[in-house]
C-alpha cells in the first residue's frame, strides 16, 4: 500500500551519497517542530544543531529545554545524531 515518507527518506538516505545533506534537513525539520516558536534551525553539522532565537530571552528559554529537545530529535531519528545545540539571536 502506502509507505510513510519518513521510511522512504530513511531508505533513500542509506542508499545515496548525499546522506549528510538529507540528515541535516531531517534534523532541522524535526527541530522546527519541537521549537515551540522559540527558535528556528539554521544548520546542522558534526553533531551540532545551530539555531536562531528571536531574542536573548527566547534563547535562554530554549537553552533550558535543550536536553529535552535533543532527546526528542534523536528519538524521532532513531539515532543519537544531535549532541549539542548552539543558540544565536537577532537584535
PDB file of N, CA and C in Angstrom:
ATOM      1  N   UNK A   1       0.834  -1.172   0.000  1.00  0.00           N
ATOM      2  CA  UNK A   1       0.000   0.000   0.000  1.00  0.00           C
ATOM      3  C   UNK A   1       0.888   1.248   0.000  1.00  0.00           C
ATOM      4  N   UNK A   2       0.687   2.131   0.950  1.00  0.00           N
ATOM      5  CA  UNK A   2       1.471   3.357   1.026  1.00  0.00           C
ATOM      6  C   UNK A   2       2.572   3.216   2.074  1.00  0.00           C
ATOM      7  N   UNK A   3       3.669   3.877   1.822  1.00  0.00           N
ATOM      8  CA  UNK A   3       4.795   3.884   2.743  1.00  0.00           C
ATOM      9  C   UNK A   3       4.916   5.283   3.333  1.00  0.00           C
ATOM     10  N   UNK A   4       5.204   5.341   4.637  1.00  0.00           N
ATOM     11  CA  UNK A   4       5.403   6.640   5.274  1.00  0.00           C
ATOM     12  C   UNK A   4       6.590   7.345   4.620  1.00  0.00           C
ATOM     13  N   UNK A   5       6.463   8.649   4.518  1.00  0.00           N
ATOM     14  CA  UNK A   5       7.531   9.428   3.901  1.00  0.00           C
ATOM     15  C   UNK A   5       8.826   9.318   4.712  1.00  0.00           C
ATOM     16  N   UNK A   6       8.717   9.220   6.027  1.00  0.00           N
ATOM     17  CA  UNK A   6       9.923   9.094   6.860  1.00  0.00           C
ATOM     18  C   UNK A   6      10.659   7.790   6.562  1.00  0.00           C
ATOM     19  N   UNK A   7       9.920   6.724   6.303  1.00  0.00           N
ATOM     20  CA  UNK A   7      10.553   5.452   5.964  1.00  0.00           C
ATOM     21  C   UNK A   7      11.239   5.533   4.602  1.00  0.00           C
ATOM     22  N   UNK A   8      10.563   6.170   3.656  1.00  0.00           N
ATOM     23  CA  UNK A   8      11.146   6.336   2.328  1.00  0.00           C
ATOM     24  C   UNK A   8      12.419   7.169   2.400  1.00  0.00           C
ATOM     25  N   UNK A   9      12.370   8.276   3.154  1.00  0.00           N
ATOM     26  CA  UNK A   9      13.560   9.114   3.314  1.00  0.00           C
ATOM     27  C   UNK A   9      14.707   8.341   3.943  1.00  0.00           C
ATOM     28  N   UNK A  10      14.410   7.580   4.992  1.00  0.00           N
ATOM     29  CA  UNK A  10      15.456   6.798   5.646  1.00  0.00           C
ATOM     30  C   UNK A  10      16.093   5.800   4.687  1.00  0.00           C
ATOM     31  N   UNK A  11      15.287   5.164   3.835  1.00  0.00           N
ATOM     32  CA  UNK A  11      15.823   4.223   2.848  1.00  0.00           C
ATOM     33  C   UNK A  11      16.697   4.952   1.837  1.00  0.00           C
ATOM     34  N   UNK A  12      16.221   6.086   1.347  1.00  0.00           N
ATOM     35  CA  UNK A  12      16.982   6.855   0.357  1.00  0.00           C
ATOM     36  C   UNK A  12      18.278   7.393   0.946  1.00  0.00           C
ATOM     37  N   UNK A  13      18.210   7.793   2.195  1.00  0.00           N
ATOM     38  CA  UNK A  13      19.396   8.321   2.862  1.00  0.00           C
ATOM     39  C   UNK A  13      20.471   7.251   2.948  1.00  0.00           C
ATOM     40  N   UNK A  14      20.083   6.046   3.290  1.00  0.00           N
ATOM     41  CA  UNK A  14      21.044   4.946   3.409  1.00  0.00           C
ATOM     42  C   UNK A  14      21.633   4.572   2.061  1.00  0.00           C
ATOM     43  N   UNK A  15      20.871   4.750   0.991  1.00  0.00           N
ATOM     44  CA  UNK A  15      21.317   4.355  -0.339  1.00  0.00           C
ATOM     45  C   UNK A  15      22.193   5.408  -1.007  1.00  0.00           C
ATOM     46  N   UNK A  16      21.906   6.670  -0.776  1.00  0.00           N
ATOM     47  CA  UNK A  16      22.537   7.743  -1.534  1.00  0.00           C
ATOM     48  C   UNK A  16      23.819   8.266  -0.937  1.00  0.00           C
ATOM     49  N   UNK A  17      24.516   9.068  -1.748  1.00  0.00           N
ATOM     50  CA  UNK A  17      25.769   9.668  -1.305  1.00  0.00           C
ATOM     51  C   UNK A  17      25.542  11.009  -0.616  1.00  0.00           C
ATOM     52  N   UNK A  18      24.334  11.518  -0.653  1.00  0.00           N
ATOM     53  CA  UNK A  18      24.031  12.814  -0.056  1.00  0.00           C
ATOM     54  C   UNK A  18      23.454  12.647   1.347  1.00  0.00           C
ATOM     55  N   UNK A  19      23.939  11.665   2.042  1.00  0.00           N
ATOM     56  CA  UNK A  19      23.432  11.326   3.367  1.00  0.00           C
ATOM     57  C   UNK A  19      23.475  12.507   4.324  1.00  0.00           C
ATOM     58  N   UNK A  20      24.576  13.203   4.364  1.00  0.00           N
ATOM     59  CA  UNK A  20      24.719  14.306   5.317  1.00  0.00           C
ATOM     60  C   UNK A  20      23.715  15.416   5.052  1.00  0.00           C
ATOM     61  N   UNK A  21      23.460  15.703   3.796  1.00  0.00           N
ATOM     62  CA  UNK A  21      22.503  16.754   3.451  1.00  0.00           C
ATOM     63  C   UNK A  21      21.096  16.357   3.878  1.00  0.00           C
ATOM     64  N   UNK A  22      20.713  15.116   3.587  1.00  0.00           N
ATOM     65  CA  UNK A  22      19.390  14.643   3.974  1.00  0.00           C
ATOM     66  C   UNK A  22      19.240  14.613   5.494  1.00  0.00           C
ATOM     67  N   UNK A  23      20.254  14.154   6.186  1.00  0.00           N
ATOM     68  CA  UNK A  23      20.197  14.098   7.652  1.00  0.00           C
ATOM     69  C   UNK A  23      20.082  15.500   8.237  1.00  0.00           C
ATOM     70  N   UNK A  24      20.847  16.441   7.706  1.00  0.00           N
ATOM     71  CA  UNK A  24      20.788  17.821   8.201  1.00  0.00           C
ATOM     72  C   UNK A  24      19.393  18.397   7.994  1.00  0.00           C
ATOM     73  N   UNK A  25      18.817  18.150   6.833  1.00  0.00           N
ATOM     74  CA  UNK A  25      17.461  18.639   6.559  1.00  0.00           C
ATOM     75  C   UNK A  25      16.460  17.992   7.503  1.00  0.00           C
ATOM     76  N   UNK A  26      16.624  16.705   7.740  1.00  0.00           N
ATOM     77  CA  UNK A  26      15.718  15.986   8.636  1.00  0.00           C
ATOM     78  C   UNK A  26      15.836  16.515  10.067  1.00  0.00           C
ATOM     79  N   UNK A  27      17.049  16.733  10.535  1.00  0.00           N
ATOM     80  CA  UNK A  27      17.278  17.265  11.879  1.00  0.00           C
ATOM     81  C   UNK A  27      16.642  18.647  12.007  1.00  0.00           C
ATOM     82  N   UNK A  28      16.856  19.509  11.017  1.00  0.00           N
ATOM     83  CA  UNK A  28      16.301  20.868  11.066  1.00  0.00           C
ATOM     84  C   UNK A  28      14.778  20.849  11.040  1.00  0.00           C
ATOM     85  N   UNK A  29      14.208  19.960  10.264  1.00  0.00           N
ATOM     86  CA  UNK A  29      12.743  19.858  10.194  1.00  0.00           C
ATOM     87  C   UNK A  29      12.166  19.438  11.547  1.00  0.00           C
ATOM     88  N   UNK A  30      12.751  18.428  12.158  1.00  0.00           N
ATOM     89  CA  UNK A  30      12.264  17.955  13.457  1.00  0.00           C
ATOM     90  C   UNK A  30      12.474  19.035  14.519  1.00  0.00           C
ATOM     91  N   UNK A  31      13.620  19.714  14.462  1.00  0.00           N
ATOM     92  CA  UNK A  31      13.902  20.786  15.428  1.00  0.00           C
ATOM     93  C   UNK A  31      12.872  21.904  15.314  1.00  0.00           C
ATOM     94  N   UNK A  32      12.489  22.239  14.094  1.00  0.00           N
ATOM     95  CA  UNK A  32      11.479  23.279  13.901  1.00  0.00           C
ATOM     96  C   UNK A  32      10.152  22.875  14.538  1.00  0.00           C
ATOM     97  N   UNK A  33       9.788  21.608  14.399  1.00  0.00           N
ATOM     98  CA  UNK A  33       8.546  21.126  15.014  1.00  0.00           C
ATOM     99  C   UNK A  33       8.632  21.171  16.536  1.00  0.00           C
ATOM    100  N   UNK A  34       9.799  20.961  17.100  1.00  0.00           N
ATOM    101  CA  UNK A  34       9.994  20.912  18.552  1.00  0.00           C
ATOM    102  C   UNK A  34      10.306  22.274  19.166  1.00  0.00           C
ATOM    103  N   UNK A  35      10.428  23.295  18.363  1.00  0.00           N
ATOM    104  CA  UNK A  35      10.914  24.593  18.843  1.00  0.00           C
ATOM    105  C   UNK A  35       9.913  25.390  19.666  1.00  0.00           C
ATOM    106  N   UNK A  36       8.644  25.092  19.570  1.00  0.00           N
ATOM    107  CA  UNK A  36       7.601  25.867  20.264  1.00  0.00           C
ATOM    108  C   UNK A  36       7.694  27.354  19.956  1.00  0.00           C
ATOM    109  N   UNK A  37       8.200  27.692  18.792  1.00  0.00           N
ATOM    110  CA  UNK A  37       8.309  29.092  18.388  1.00  0.00           C
ATOM    111  C   UNK A  37       9.452  29.854  19.030  1.00  0.00           C
ATOM    112  N   UNK A  38      10.288  29.178  19.810  1.00  0.00           N
ATOM    113  CA  UNK A  38      11.396  29.859  20.489  1.00  0.00           C
ATOM    114  C   UNK A  38      12.586  30.114  19.567  1.00  0.00           C
ATOM    115  N   UNK A  39      12.746  29.282  18.558  1.00  0.00           N
ATOM    116  CA  UNK A  39      13.881  29.420  17.647  1.00  0.00           C
ATOM    117  C   UNK A  39      13.533  28.805  16.303  1.00  0.00           C
ATOM    118  N   UNK A  40      14.436  29.063  15.328  1.00  0.00           N
ATOM    119  CA  UNK A  40      14.321  28.360  14.056  1.00  0.00           C
ATOM    120  C   UNK A  40      15.699  27.802  13.705  1.00  0.00           C
ATOM    121  N   UNK A  41      15.735  26.589  13.219  1.00  0.00           N
ATOM    122  CA  UNK A  41      17.016  25.955  12.891  1.00  0.00           C
ATOM    123  C   UNK A  41      17.705  26.656  11.724  1.00  0.00           C
ATOM    124  N   UNK A  42      19.012  26.752  11.805  1.00  0.00           N
ATOM    125  CA  UNK A  42      19.813  27.343  10.733  1.00  0.00           C
ATOM    126  C   UNK A  42      20.549  26.242   9.970  1.00  0.00           C
ATOM    127  N   UNK A  43      21.260  25.381  10.722  1.00  0.00           N
ATOM    128  CA  UNK A  43      22.025  24.316  10.079  1.00  0.00           C
ATOM    129  C   UNK A  43      22.359  23.228  11.087  1.00  0.00           C
ATOM    130  N   UNK A  44      22.861  22.121  10.564  1.00  0.00           N
ATOM    131  CA  UNK A  44      23.295  21.004  11.391  1.00  0.00           C
ATOM    132  C   UNK A  44      24.586  20.456  10.800  1.00  0.00           C
ATOM    133  N   UNK A  45      25.647  20.426  11.627  1.00  0.00           N
ATOM    134  CA  UNK A  45      26.944  19.912  11.201  1.00  0.00           C
ATOM    135  C   UNK A  45      27.645  19.253  12.372  1.00  0.00           C
ATOM    136  N   UNK A  46      28.218  18.111  12.113  1.00  0.00           N
ATOM    137  CA  UNK A  46      29.088  17.419  13.076  1.00  0.00           C
ATOM    138  C   UNK A  46      28.459  17.309  14.471  1.00  0.00           C
ATOM    139  N   UNK A  47      27.181  16.966  14.517  1.00  0.00           N
ATOM    140  CA  UNK A  47      26.508  16.757  15.789  1.00  0.00           C
ATOM    141  C   UNK A  47      25.997  18.009  16.471  1.00  0.00           C
ATOM    142  N   UNK A  48      26.214  19.174  15.850  1.00  0.00           N
ATOM    143  CA  UNK A  48      25.798  20.444  16.450  1.00  0.00           C
ATOM    144  C   UNK A  48      24.667  21.054  15.611  1.00  0.00           C
ATOM    145  N   UNK A  49      23.548  21.337  16.275  1.00  0.00           N
ATOM    146  CA  UNK A  49      22.419  21.998  15.648  1.00  0.00           C
ATOM    147  C   UNK A  49      22.527  23.489  15.952  1.00  0.00           C
ATOM    148  N   UNK A  50      22.614  24.305  14.905  1.00  0.00           N
ATOM    149  CA  UNK A  50      22.697  25.759  15.053  1.00  0.00           C
ATOM    150  C   UNK A  50      21.310  26.331  14.856  1.00  0.00           C
ATOM    151  N   UNK A  51      20.871  27.147  15.817  1.00  0.00           N
ATOM    152  CA  UNK A  51      19.532  27.724  15.748  1.00  0.00           C
ATOM    153  C   UNK A  51      19.598  29.231  16.009  1.00  0.00           C
ATOM    154  N   UNK A  52      18.585  29.932  15.530  1.00  0.00           N
ATOM    155  CA  UNK A  52      18.481  31.373  15.718  1.00  0.00           C
ATOM    156  C   UNK A  52      17.240  31.663  16.545  1.00  0.00           C
ATOM    157  N   UNK A  53      17.432  32.346  17.647  1.00  0.00           N
ATOM    158  CA  UNK A  53      16.318  32.756  18.501  1.00  0.00           C
ATOM    159  C   UNK A  53      16.025  34.231  18.235  1.00  0.00           C
ATOM    160  N   UNK A  54      14.794  34.613  18.486  1.00  0.00           N
ATOM    161  CA  UNK A  54      14.390  35.996  18.192  1.00  0.00           C
ATOM    162  C   UNK A  54      14.908  36.994  19.225  1.00  0.00           C
ATOM    163  N   UNK A  55      15.298  36.501  20.404  1.00  0.00           N
ATOM    164  CA  UNK A  55      15.782  37.389  21.456  1.00  0.00           C
ATOM    165  C   UNK A  55      16.641  36.589  22.435  1.00  0.00           C
ATOM    166  N   UNK A  56      17.409  37.276  23.272  1.00  0.00           N
ATOM    167  CA  UNK A  56      18.172  36.574  24.296  1.00  0.00           C
ATOM    168  C   UNK A  56      17.262  35.788  25.254  1.00  0.00           C
ATOM    169  N   UNK A  57      16.080  36.317  25.531  1.00  0.00           N
ATOM    170  CA  UNK A  57      15.135  35.630  26.417  1.00  0.00           C
ATOM    171  C   UNK A  57      14.673  34.318  25.800  1.00  0.00           C
ATOM    172  N   UNK A  58      14.340  34.350  24.512  1.00  0.00           N
ATOM    173  CA  UNK A  58      13.916  33.126  23.817  1.00  0.00           C
ATOM    174  C   UNK A  58      15.055  32.125  23.777  1.00  0.00           C
ATOM    175  N   UNK A  59      16.279  32.598  23.550  1.00  0.00           N
ATOM    176  CA  UNK A  59      17.442  31.713  23.534  1.00  0.00           C
ATOM    177  C   UNK A  59      17.648  31.068  24.902  1.00  0.00           C
ATOM    178  N   UNK A  60      17.455  31.850  25.952  1.00  0.00           N
ATOM    179  CA  UNK A  60      17.605  31.335  27.309  1.00  0.00           C
ATOM    180  C   UNK A  60      16.556  30.272  27.625  1.00  0.00           C
ATOM    181  N   UNK A  61      15.308  30.537  27.246  1.00  0.00           N
ATOM    182  CA  UNK A  61      14.233  29.559  27.467  1.00  0.00           C
ATOM    183  C   UNK A  61      14.509  28.268  26.708  1.00  0.00           C
ATOM    184  N   UNK A  62      14.931  28.412  25.449  1.00  0.00           N
ATOM    185  CA  UNK A  62      15.225  27.229  24.638  1.00  0.00           C
ATOM    186  C   UNK A  62      16.432  26.480  25.192  1.00  0.00           C
ATOM    187  N   UNK A  63      17.419  27.220  25.696  1.00  0.00           N
ATOM    188  CA  UNK A  63      18.606  26.592  26.266  1.00  0.00           C
ATOM    189  C   UNK A  63      18.253  25.730  27.475  1.00  0.00           C
ATOM    190  N   UNK A  64      17.282  26.186  28.274  1.00  0.00           N
ATOM    191  CA  UNK A  64      16.838  25.400  29.424  1.00  0.00           C
ATOM    192  C   UNK A  64      16.193  24.085  29.003  1.00  0.00           C
ATOM    193  N   UNK A  65      15.609  24.077  27.803  1.00  0.00           N
ATOM    194  CA  UNK A  65      14.941  22.885  27.290  1.00  0.00           C
ATOM    195  C   UNK A  65      15.816  22.100  26.304  1.00  0.00           C
ATOM    196  N   UNK A  66      17.082  22.489  26.152  1.00  0.00           N
ATOM    197  CA  UNK A  66      17.961  21.915  25.126  1.00  0.00           C
ATOM    198  C   UNK A  66      18.081  20.396  25.237  1.00  0.00           C
ATOM    199  N   UNK A  67      18.292  19.889  26.436  1.00  0.00           N
ATOM    200  CA  UNK A  67      18.455  18.444  26.611  1.00  0.00           C
ATOM    201  C   UNK A  67      17.194  17.694  26.175  1.00  0.00           C
ATOM    202  N   UNK A  68      16.047  18.248  26.515  1.00  0.00           N
ATOM    203  CA  UNK A  68      14.764  17.642  26.129  1.00  0.00           C
ATOM    204  C   UNK A  68      14.576  17.694  24.608  1.00  0.00           C
ATOM    205  N   UNK A  69      14.932  18.812  24.001  1.00  0.00           N
ATOM    206  CA  UNK A  69      14.808  18.971  22.552  1.00  0.00           C
ATOM    207  C   UNK A  69      15.732  17.993  21.829  1.00  0.00           C
ATOM    208  N   UNK A  70      16.962  17.885  22.295  1.00  0.00           N
ATOM    209  CA  UNK A  70      17.925  16.951  21.701  1.00  0.00           C
ATOM    210  C   UNK A  70      17.395  15.525  21.784  1.00  0.00           C
ATOM    211  N   UNK A  71      16.869  15.163  22.944  1.00  0.00           N
ATOM    212  CA  UNK A  71      16.339  13.810  23.134  1.00  0.00           C
ATOM    213  C   UNK A  71      15.178  13.534  22.168  1.00  0.00           C
ATOM    214  N   UNK A  72      14.270  14.501  22.012  1.00  0.00           N
ATOM    215  CA  UNK A  72      13.132  14.321  21.108  1.00  0.00           C
ATOM    216  C   UNK A  72      13.590  14.177  19.658  1.00  0.00           C
ATOM    217  N   UNK A  73      14.557  14.994  19.252  1.00  0.00           N
ATOM    218  CA  UNK A  73      15.066  14.915  17.883  1.00  0.00           C
ATOM    219  C   UNK A  73      15.712  13.560  17.641  1.00  0.00           C
ATOM    220  N   UNK A  74      16.586  13.155  18.552  1.00  0.00           N
ATOM    221  CA  UNK A  74      17.274  11.875  18.392  1.00  0.00           C
ATOM    222  C   UNK A  74      16.307  10.693  18.424  1.00  0.00           C
ATOM    223  N   UNK A  75      15.274  10.768  19.263  1.00  0.00           N
ATOM    224  CA  UNK A  75      14.269   9.703  19.294  1.00  0.00           C
ATOM    225  C   UNK A  75      13.514   9.633  17.970  1.00  0.00           C
ATOM    226  N   UNK A  76      13.191  10.780  17.401  1.00  0.00           N
ATOM    227  CA  UNK A  76      12.492  10.807  16.114  1.00  0.00           C
ATOM    228  C   UNK A  76      13.347  10.219  15.002  1.00  0.00           C
ATOM    229  N   UNK A  77      14.656  10.444  15.075  1.00  0.00           N
ATOM    230  CA  UNK A  77      15.576   9.933  14.060  1.00  0.00           C
ATOM    231  C   UNK A  77      15.945   8.477  14.280  1.00  0.00           C
ATOM    232  N   UNK A  78      15.814   8.013  15.527  1.00  0.00           N
ATOM    233  CA  UNK A  78      16.231   6.647  15.845  1.00  0.00           C
ATOM    234  C   UNK A  78      17.733   6.512  15.990  1.00  0.00           C
ATOM    235  N   UNK A  79      18.429   7.646  16.078  1.00  0.00           N
ATOM    236  CA  UNK A  79      19.886   7.676  16.237  1.00  0.00           C
ATOM    237  C   UNK A  79      20.271   8.876  17.086  1.00  0.00           C
ATOM    238  N   UNK A  80      21.397   8.782  17.755  1.00  0.00           N
ATOM    239  CA  UNK A  80      21.889   9.914  18.542  1.00  0.00           C
ATOM    240  C   UNK A  80      22.793  10.787  17.670  1.00  0.00           C
ATOM    241  N   UNK A  81      22.193  11.555  16.794  1.00  0.00           N
ATOM    242  CA  UNK A  81      22.963  12.419  15.897  1.00  0.00           C
ATOM    243  C   UNK A  81      23.244  13.784  16.505  1.00  0.00           C
ATOM    244  N   UNK A  82      22.254  14.356  17.188  1.00  0.00           N
ATOM    245  CA  UNK A  82      22.400  15.698  17.747  1.00  0.00           C
ATOM    246  C   UNK A  82      23.038  15.590  19.134  1.00  0.00           C
ATOM    247  N   UNK A  83      24.183  16.216  19.277  1.00  0.00           N
ATOM    248  CA  UNK A  83      24.913  16.194  20.553  1.00  0.00           C
ATOM    249  C   UNK A  83      24.773  17.506  21.309  1.00  0.00           C
ATOM    250  N   UNK A  84      24.589  18.596  20.549  1.00  0.00           N
ATOM    251  CA  UNK A  84      24.616  19.920  21.167  1.00  0.00           C
ATOM    252  C   UNK A  84      23.786  20.888  20.327  1.00  0.00           C
ATOM    253  N   UNK A  85      23.218  21.890  20.981  1.00  0.00           N
ATOM    254  CA  UNK A  85      22.524  22.966  20.283  1.00  0.00           C
ATOM    255  C   UNK A  85      23.242  24.281  20.591  1.00  0.00           C
ATOM    256  N   UNK A  86      23.569  25.013  19.540  1.00  0.00           N
ATOM    257  CA  UNK A  86      24.202  26.329  19.683  1.00  0.00           C
ATOM    258  C   UNK A  86      23.179  27.392  19.330  1.00  0.00           C
ATOM    259  N   UNK A  87      22.983  28.332  20.224  1.00  0.00           N
ATOM    260  CA  UNK A  87      21.963  29.368  20.057  1.00  0.00           C
ATOM    261  C   UNK A  87      22.584  30.684  19.611  1.00  0.00           C
ATOM    262  N   UNK A  88      21.909  31.329  18.684  1.00  0.00           N
ATOM    263  CA  UNK A  88      22.247  32.669  18.263  1.00  0.00           C
ATOM    264  C   UNK A  88      20.953  33.472  18.291  1.00  0.00           C
ATOM    265  N   UNK A  89      21.046  34.760  18.346  1.00  0.00           N
ATOM    266  CA  UNK A  89      19.834  35.566  18.313  1.00  0.00           C
ATOM    267  C   UNK A  89      20.064  36.837  17.505  1.00  0.00           C
ATOM    268  N   UNK A  90      18.948  37.351  16.995  1.00  0.00           N
ATOM    269  CA  UNK A  90      18.975  38.600  16.233  1.00  0.00           C
ATOM    270  C   UNK A  90      18.442  39.715  17.116  1.00  0.00           C
ATOM    271  N   UNK A  91      18.991  40.885  16.964  1.00  0.00           N
ATOM    272  CA  UNK A  91      18.517  42.045  17.730  1.00  0.00           C
ATOM    273  C   UNK A  91      17.346  42.670  17.041  1.00  0.00           C
TER     274      UNK A  91
END
